C-alpha atoms as a PDB file:
ATOM      1  CA  LEU A   1      16.327   1.999  30.375  1.00  0.00           C
ATOM      2  CA  SER A   2      13.844  -0.409  31.972  1.00  0.00           C
ATOM      3  CA  SER A   3      11.078   0.385  29.486  1.00  0.00           C
ATOM      4  CA  GLY A   4      13.440   0.107  26.529  1.00  0.00           C
ATOM      5  CA  ILE A   5      14.755  -3.300  27.526  1.00  0.00           C
ATOM      6  CA  ASN A   6      11.235  -4.468  28.398  1.00  0.00           C
ATOM      7  CA  ALA A   7       9.963  -3.498  24.963  1.00  0.00           C
ATOM      8  CA  GLU A   8      12.845  -5.053  23.049  1.00  0.00           C
ATOM      9  CA  TYR A   9      13.168  -8.231  25.112  1.00  0.00           C
ATOM     10  CA  GLY A  10       9.423  -8.741  25.402  1.00  0.00           C
ATOM     11  CA  ALA A  11       8.856  -8.392  21.672  1.00  0.00           C
ATOM     12  CA  LEU A  12      11.556 -10.940  20.905  1.00  0.00           C
ATOM     13  CA  LYS A  13      10.847 -13.450  23.640  1.00  0.00           C
ATOM     14  CA  TYR A  14       7.570 -13.546  25.531  1.00  0.00           C
ATOM     15  CA  SER A  15       4.367 -11.747  24.691  1.00  0.00           C
ATOM     16  CA  GLY A  16       2.418 -10.552  27.720  1.00  0.00           C
ATOM     17  CA  ARG A  17       5.318 -10.811  30.165  1.00  0.00           C
ATOM     18  CA  ARG A  18       6.844  -7.938  32.063  1.00  0.00           C
ATOM     19  CA  LEU A  19      10.378  -7.610  33.377  1.00  0.00           C
ATOM     20  CA  LYS A  20      10.804  -5.848  36.696  1.00  0.00           C
ATOM     21  CA  PHE A  21      14.242  -4.452  37.408  1.00  0.00           C
ATOM     22  CA  VAL A  22      15.244  -4.412  41.069  1.00  0.00           C
ATOM     23  CA  PHE A  23      17.982  -1.798  40.991  1.00  0.00           C
ATOM     24  CA  PRO A  24      18.842  -2.019  44.730  1.00  0.00           C
ATOM     25  CA  LEU A  25      19.910  -5.620  44.069  1.00  0.00           C
ATOM     26  CA  SER A  26      21.945  -4.644  41.015  1.00  0.00           C
ATOM     27  CA  SER A  27      25.628  -3.861  41.112  1.00  0.00           C
ATOM     28  CA  GLY A  28      28.354  -2.606  38.833  1.00  0.00           C
ATOM     29  CA  THR A  29      32.120  -2.396  38.775  1.00  0.00           C
ATOM     30  CA  ALA A  30      34.331   0.680  38.646  1.00  0.00           C
ATOM     31  CA  VAL A  31      38.017   0.377  37.733  1.00  0.00           C
ATOM     32  CA  LEU A  32      40.122   3.167  39.211  1.00  0.00           C
ATOM     33  CA  ASN A  33      42.940   4.032  36.794  1.00  0.00           C
ATOM     34  CA  TYR A  34      43.712   7.512  38.092  1.00  0.00           C
ATOM     35  CA  THR A  35      45.399   6.203  41.231  1.00  0.00           C
ATOM     36  CA  THR A  36      48.975   4.978  41.591  1.00  0.00           C
ATOM     37  CA  ARG A  37      47.645   1.425  41.920  1.00  0.00           C
ATOM     38  CA  GLN A  38      44.699   0.125  39.912  1.00  0.00           C
ATOM     39  CA  TYR A  39      41.611  -0.795  41.966  1.00  0.00           C
ATOM     40  CA  THR A  40      38.477  -2.711  41.004  1.00  0.00           C
ATOM     41  CA  VAL A  41      35.507  -1.630  43.091  1.00  0.00           C
ATOM     42  CA  SER A  42      32.145  -3.383  43.175  1.00  0.00           C
ATOM     43  CA  MET A  43      29.283  -1.084  44.160  1.00  0.00           C
ATOM     44  CA  SER A  44      25.526  -0.681  43.827  1.00  0.00           C
ATOM     45  CA  VAL A  45      24.193   0.803  40.599  1.00  0.00           C
ATOM     46  CA  TYR A  46      23.074   3.857  42.579  1.00  0.00           C
ATOM     47  CA  GLN A  47      26.605   4.381  43.899  1.00  0.00           C
ATOM     48  CA  LEU A  48      28.029   3.774  40.442  1.00  0.00           C
ATOM     49  CA  ALA A  49      25.642   6.326  38.919  1.00  0.00           C
ATOM     50  CA  SER A  50      26.822   8.849  41.520  1.00  0.00           C
ATOM     51  CA  PHE A  51      30.475   8.086  40.803  1.00  0.00           C
ATOM     52  CA  LEU A  52      30.372   8.046  36.982  1.00  0.00           C
ATOM     53  CA  PRO A  53      30.153  11.857  36.552  1.00  0.00           C
ATOM     54  CA  PHE A  54      33.735  11.977  37.863  1.00  0.00           C
ATOM     55  CA  GLN A  55      34.834  10.025  34.825  1.00  0.00           C
ATOM     56  CA  GLU A  56      34.229  13.155  32.741  1.00  0.00           C
ATOM     57  CA  ARG A  57      35.818  15.637  35.147  1.00  0.00           C
ATOM     58  CA  ASP A  58      37.565  15.497  38.486  1.00  0.00           C
ATOM     59  CA  THR A  59      35.238  17.889  40.334  1.00  0.00           C
ATOM     60  CA  ASN A  60      31.450  18.192  40.436  1.00  0.00           C
ATOM     61  CA  SER A  61      28.919  20.008  42.547  1.00  0.00           C
ATOM     62  CA  ARG A  62      26.078  18.080  44.137  1.00  0.00           C
ATOM     63  CA  GLN A  63      23.663  19.545  41.582  1.00  0.00           C
ATOM     64  CA  GLU A  64      25.866  18.412  38.712  1.00  0.00           C
ATOM     65  CA  VAL A  65      26.023  14.877  40.094  1.00  0.00           C
ATOM     66  CA  LEU A  66      22.267  14.944  40.673  1.00  0.00           C
ATOM     67  CA  GLU A  67      21.557  15.910  37.065  1.00  0.00           C
ATOM     68  CA  ALA A  68      23.988  13.349  35.659  1.00  0.00           C
ATOM     69  CA  ALA A  69      22.938  10.441  37.920  1.00  0.00           C
ATOM     70  CA  GLY A  70      19.192  11.036  37.781  1.00  0.00           C
ATOM     71  CA  LEU A  71      18.691   9.849  41.366  1.00  0.00           C
ATOM     72  CA  GLU A  72      16.344  11.144  44.034  1.00  0.00           C
ATOM     73  CA  GLY A  73      17.939  13.619  46.404  1.00  0.00           C
ATOM     74  CA  SER A  74      17.855  11.369  49.476  1.00  0.00           C
ATOM     75  CA  GLU A  75      19.358   8.434  47.559  1.00  0.00           C
ATOM     76  CA  LEU A  76      22.068  10.650  46.080  1.00  0.00           C
ATOM     77  CA  ASN A  77      22.975  11.958  49.545  1.00  0.00           C
ATOM     78  CA  LYS A  78      23.481   8.399  50.819  1.00  0.00           C
ATOM     79  CA  CYS A  79      25.670   7.485  47.869  1.00  0.00           C
ATOM     80  CA  LEU A  80      27.818  10.614  48.050  1.00  0.00           C
ATOM     81  CA  THR A  81      28.221  10.168  51.811  1.00  0.00           C
ATOM     82  CA  THR A  82      29.413   6.599  51.260  1.00  0.00           C
ATOM     83  CA  LEU A  83      31.876   7.678  48.566  1.00  0.00           C
ATOM     84  CA  VAL A  84      33.246  10.426  50.814  1.00  0.00           C
ATOM     85  CA  ASP A  85      33.409   8.178  53.909  1.00  0.00           C
ATOM     86  CA  SER A  86      35.306   5.582  51.874  1.00  0.00           C
ATOM     87  CA  ASN A  87      37.775   8.344  50.810  1.00  0.00           C
ATOM     88  CA  MET A  88      37.104   7.774  47.115  1.00  0.00           C
ATOM     89  CA  LEU A  89      35.788  11.345  46.936  1.00  0.00           C
ATOM     90  CA  ASN A  90      36.807  14.477  48.764  1.00  0.00           C
ATOM     91  CA  LEU A  91      34.260  17.085  49.827  1.00  0.00           C
ATOM     92  CA  ASP A  92      35.058  20.750  50.185  1.00  0.00           C
ATOM     93  CA  LYS A  93      32.506  21.723  52.837  1.00  0.00           C
ATOM     94  CA  ASP A  94      32.911  25.438  52.149  1.00  0.00           C
ATOM     95  CA  SER A  95      32.062  25.206  48.441  1.00  0.00           C
ATOM     96  CA  GLY A  96      30.084  21.932  48.503  1.00  0.00           C
ATOM     97  CA  VAL A  97      32.180  20.621  45.622  1.00  0.00           C
ATOM     98  CA  TYR A  98      33.108  16.946  45.374  1.00  0.00           C
ATOM     99  CA  SER A  99      36.399  15.857  43.819  1.00  0.00           C
ATOM    100  CA  LEU A 100      38.240  12.631  43.072  1.00  0.00           C
ATOM    101  CA  ASN A 101      40.746  11.645  45.712  1.00  0.00           C
ATOM    102  CA  GLN A 102      43.830  11.342  43.519  1.00  0.00           C
ATOM    103  CA  GLN A 103      45.801   9.995  46.485  1.00  0.00           C
ATOM    104  CA  TYR A 104      43.335   7.178  47.209  1.00  0.00           C
ATOM    105  CA  SER A 105      44.849   3.936  48.480  1.00  0.00           C
ATOM    106  CA  ASN A 106      43.533   0.630  49.790  1.00  0.00           C
ATOM    107  CA  ARG A 107      45.173  -2.567  50.966  1.00  0.00           C
ATOM    108  CA  LYS A 108      42.872  -4.579  48.670  1.00  0.00           C
ATOM    109  CA  ALA A 109      43.084  -4.309  44.885  1.00  0.00           C
ATOM    110  CA  LYS A 110      39.497  -5.590  44.615  1.00  0.00           C
ATOM    111  CA  PHE A 111      36.795  -4.742  47.142  1.00  0.00           C
ATOM    112  CA  LYS A 112      33.082  -4.050  47.567  1.00  0.00           C
ATOM    113  CA  LEU A 113      31.709  -0.673  48.567  1.00  0.00           C
ATOM    114  CA  GLN A 114      28.784  -1.106  50.953  1.00  0.00           C
ATOM    115  CA  THR A 115      27.176   0.565  53.960  1.00  0.00           C
ATOM    116  CA  SER A 116      24.582  -0.494  56.495  1.00  0.00           C
ATOM    117  CA  THR A 117      22.343   2.352  55.323  1.00  0.00           C
ATOM    118  CA  VAL A 118      22.389   1.076  51.761  1.00  0.00           C
ATOM    119  CA  LYS A 119      21.820  -2.491  52.955  1.00  0.00           C
ATOM    120  CA  GLU A 120      18.790  -1.427  55.003  1.00  0.00           C
ATOM    121  CA  HIS A 121      17.385   0.481  52.025  1.00  0.00           C
ATOM    122  CA  ASN A 122      17.964  -2.509  49.754  1.00  0.00           C
ATOM    123  CA  GLU A 123      16.100  -4.825  52.113  1.00  0.00           C
ATOM    124  CA  LYS A 124      13.106  -2.472  52.157  1.00  0.00           C
ATOM    125  CA  GLU A 125      13.123  -2.269  48.356  1.00  0.00           C
ATOM    126  CA  VAL A 126      13.303  -6.063  48.029  1.00  0.00           C
ATOM    127  CA  THR A 127      10.424  -6.531  50.486  1.00  0.00           C
ATOM    128  CA  HIS A 128       8.328  -4.031  48.541  1.00  0.00           C
ATOM    129  CA  THR A 129       9.130  -5.822  45.269  1.00  0.00           C
ATOM    130  CA  TYR A 130       8.133  -9.217  46.633  1.00  0.00           C
ATOM    131  CA  GLN A 131       4.868  -7.749  47.934  1.00  0.00           C
ATOM    132  CA  SER A 132       4.182  -6.221  44.516  1.00  0.00           C
ATOM    133  CA  VAL A 133       4.829  -9.544  42.763  1.00  0.00           C
ATOM    134  CA  ASP A 134       2.539 -11.387  45.190  1.00  0.00           C
ATOM    135  CA  GLU A 135      -0.229  -8.860  44.573  1.00  0.00           C
ATOM    136  CA  ASP A 136       0.125  -9.233  40.788  1.00  0.00           C
ATOM    137  CA  ARG A 137      -0.086 -13.011  41.168  1.00  0.00           C
ATOM    138  CA  ARG A 138      -3.166 -12.854  43.394  1.00  0.00           C
ATOM    139  CA  ILE A 139      -4.944 -10.698  40.804  1.00  0.00           C
ATOM    140  CA  TYR A 140      -3.980 -13.135  38.033  1.00  0.00           C
ATOM    141  CA  ILE A 141      -5.164 -16.158  40.066  1.00  0.00           C
ATOM    142  CA  GLN A 142      -8.488 -14.503  40.855  1.00  0.00           C
ATOM    143  CA  ALA A 143      -8.990 -13.756  37.154  1.00  0.00           C
ATOM    144  CA  ALA A 144      -8.154 -17.382  36.317  1.00  0.00           C
ATOM    145  CA  ILE A 145     -10.686 -18.639  38.859  1.00  0.00           C
ATOM    146  CA  VAL A 146     -13.437 -16.388  37.505  1.00  0.00           C
ATOM    147  CA  ARG A 147     -12.608 -17.394  33.928  1.00  0.00           C
ATOM    148  CA  SER A 148     -12.731 -21.092  34.788  1.00  0.00           C
ATOM    149  CA  MET A 149     -15.963 -20.829  36.765  1.00  0.00           C
ATOM    150  CA  LYS A 150     -17.658 -18.682  34.117  1.00  0.00           C
ATOM    151  CA  SER A 151     -16.808 -21.303  31.503  1.00  0.00           C
ATOM    152  CA  ARG A 152     -17.729 -24.410  33.527  1.00  0.00           C
ATOM    153  CA  LYS A 153     -20.395 -22.888  35.825  1.00  0.00           C
ATOM    154  CA  GLN A 154     -19.653 -25.547  38.466  1.00  0.00           C
ATOM    155  CA  LEU A 155     -16.419 -27.205  39.605  1.00  0.00           C
ATOM    156  CA  ASN A 156     -15.350 -29.180  42.627  1.00  0.00           C
ATOM    157  CA  HIS A 157     -12.436 -27.965  44.691  1.00  0.00           C
ATOM    158  CA  ASN A 158      -9.722 -30.163  43.156  1.00  0.00           C
ATOM    159  CA  GLU A 159     -10.896 -29.479  39.602  1.00  0.00           C
ATOM    160  CA  LEU A 160     -10.759 -25.738  40.186  1.00  0.00           C
ATOM    161  CA  ILE A 161      -7.278 -25.973  41.699  1.00  0.00           C
ATOM    162  CA  GLN A 162      -6.017 -27.906  38.671  1.00  0.00           C
ATOM    163  CA  GLN A 163      -7.665 -25.455  36.268  1.00  0.00           C
ATOM    164  CA  VAL A 164      -5.933 -22.497  37.913  1.00  0.00           C
ATOM    165  CA  ILE A 165      -2.549 -24.263  37.952  1.00  0.00           C
ATOM    166  CA  SER A 166      -2.953 -25.109  34.262  1.00  0.00           C
ATOM    167  CA  LEU A 167      -3.842 -21.511  33.342  1.00  0.00           C
ATOM    168  CA  SER A 168      -0.992 -20.059  35.412  1.00  0.00           C
ATOM    169  CA  LYS A 169       1.867 -22.438  34.610  1.00  0.00           C
ATOM    170  CA  ALA A 170       3.075 -20.403  31.617  1.00  0.00           C
ATOM    171  CA  ARG A 171       3.720 -17.423  33.931  1.00  0.00           C
ATOM    172  CA  PHE A 172       4.428 -18.887  37.389  1.00  0.00           C
ATOM    173  CA  SER A 173       3.638 -21.842  39.663  1.00  0.00           C
ATOM    174  CA  PRO A 174       0.948 -20.756  42.128  1.00  0.00           C
ATOM    175  CA  SER A 175       0.902 -22.304  45.586  1.00  0.00           C
ATOM    176  CA  ILE A 176      -2.179 -24.224  46.702  1.00  0.00           C
ATOM    177  CA  SER A 177      -2.488 -21.968  49.749  1.00  0.00           C
ATOM    178  CA  MET A 178      -2.553 -18.831  47.580  1.00  0.00           C
ATOM    179  CA  ILE A 179      -5.223 -20.342  45.311  1.00  0.00           C
ATOM    180  CA  LYS A 180      -7.349 -21.239  48.353  1.00  0.00           C
ATOM    181  CA  LYS A 181      -7.066 -17.681  49.692  1.00  0.00           C
ATOM    182  CA  CYS A 182      -8.110 -16.290  46.303  1.00  0.00           C
ATOM    183  CA  ILE A 183     -11.120 -18.616  46.250  1.00  0.00           C
ATOM    184  CA  GLU A 184     -12.198 -17.292  49.652  1.00  0.00           C
ATOM    185  CA  VAL A 185     -11.761 -13.696  48.445  1.00  0.00           C
ATOM    186  CA  LEU A 186     -14.005 -14.372  45.430  1.00  0.00           C
ATOM    187  CA  ILE A 187     -16.617 -16.019  47.649  1.00  0.00           C
ATOM    188  CA  ASP A 188     -16.626 -12.879  49.819  1.00  0.00           C
ATOM    189  CA  LYS A 189     -16.956 -10.754  46.670  1.00  0.00           C
ATOM    190  CA  GLN A 190     -19.841 -12.989  45.547  1.00  0.00           C
ATOM    191  CA  TYR A 191     -18.281 -14.070  42.259  1.00  0.00           C
ATOM    192  CA  ILE A 192     -18.666 -17.719  43.281  1.00  0.00           C
ATOM    193  CA  GLU A 193     -20.361 -19.640  46.056  1.00  0.00           C
ATOM    194  CA  ARG A 194     -20.206 -23.068  47.664  1.00  0.00           C
ATOM    195  CA  SER A 195     -22.906 -25.482  46.666  1.00  0.00           C
ATOM    196  CA  THR A 196     -25.594 -25.923  49.279  1.00  0.00           C
ATOM    197  CA  THR A 197     -25.532 -29.686  48.700  1.00  0.00           C
ATOM    198  CA  ASP A 198     -21.748 -30.148  48.496  1.00  0.00           C
ATOM    199  CA  LYS A 199     -19.373 -27.822  50.322  1.00  0.00           C
ATOM    200  CA  ASP A 200     -16.503 -29.100  48.166  1.00  0.00           C
ATOM    201  CA  THR A 201     -18.165 -27.769  44.996  1.00  0.00           C
ATOM    202  CA  TYR A 202     -18.230 -24.180  43.781  1.00  0.00           C
ATOM    203  CA  GLN A 203     -20.838 -22.523  41.595  1.00  0.00           C
ATOM    204  CA  TYR A 204     -20.460 -19.434  39.432  1.00  0.00           C
ATOM    205  CA  LEU A 205     -22.668 -16.460  40.251  1.00  0.00           C
ATOM    206  CA  ALA A 206     -23.646 -14.543  37.092  1.00  0.00           C
END
């Protein structure tokens, strides 16, 4: 799904850009029509994927849900546990078969299905995503610095900062602190060096 949308959206909109889907932050809505009262339940896309197989039939084994949802085993276990704990599904422990709770009831017609376990997992996923984005940006900034220095051979600090901001603005707005850190990394890697006569000027090392 991600690759398909990336390809279609990217081709129509922005060349060279990449969409990153953060599924733990995504949610969907399930409308329960099999109960006496209709319920609208907001849940994570992982929980929704685990619940959707029961739209086709009332009972499913864990393996059947696993194959239909396409989730990792540990993630599926969390989702099924949540659905059982919330009484939306029943579990026959002898056979390991899950079934819709046809007698389900709730005081609220609309509610959100959530657990602390899912929340903790989501926070870890979000942290990992932010770290990945920061790493991608650092690599891009370093490439922009090298490209600018290779072209100009020598730039003072403020000129280099402005060059990097100009090259990056179509993708993101880099912070000054991140640019400075990338400059120091490239000095350590010996791509550039400070001028011996002016510490505020950088020179490109071929």
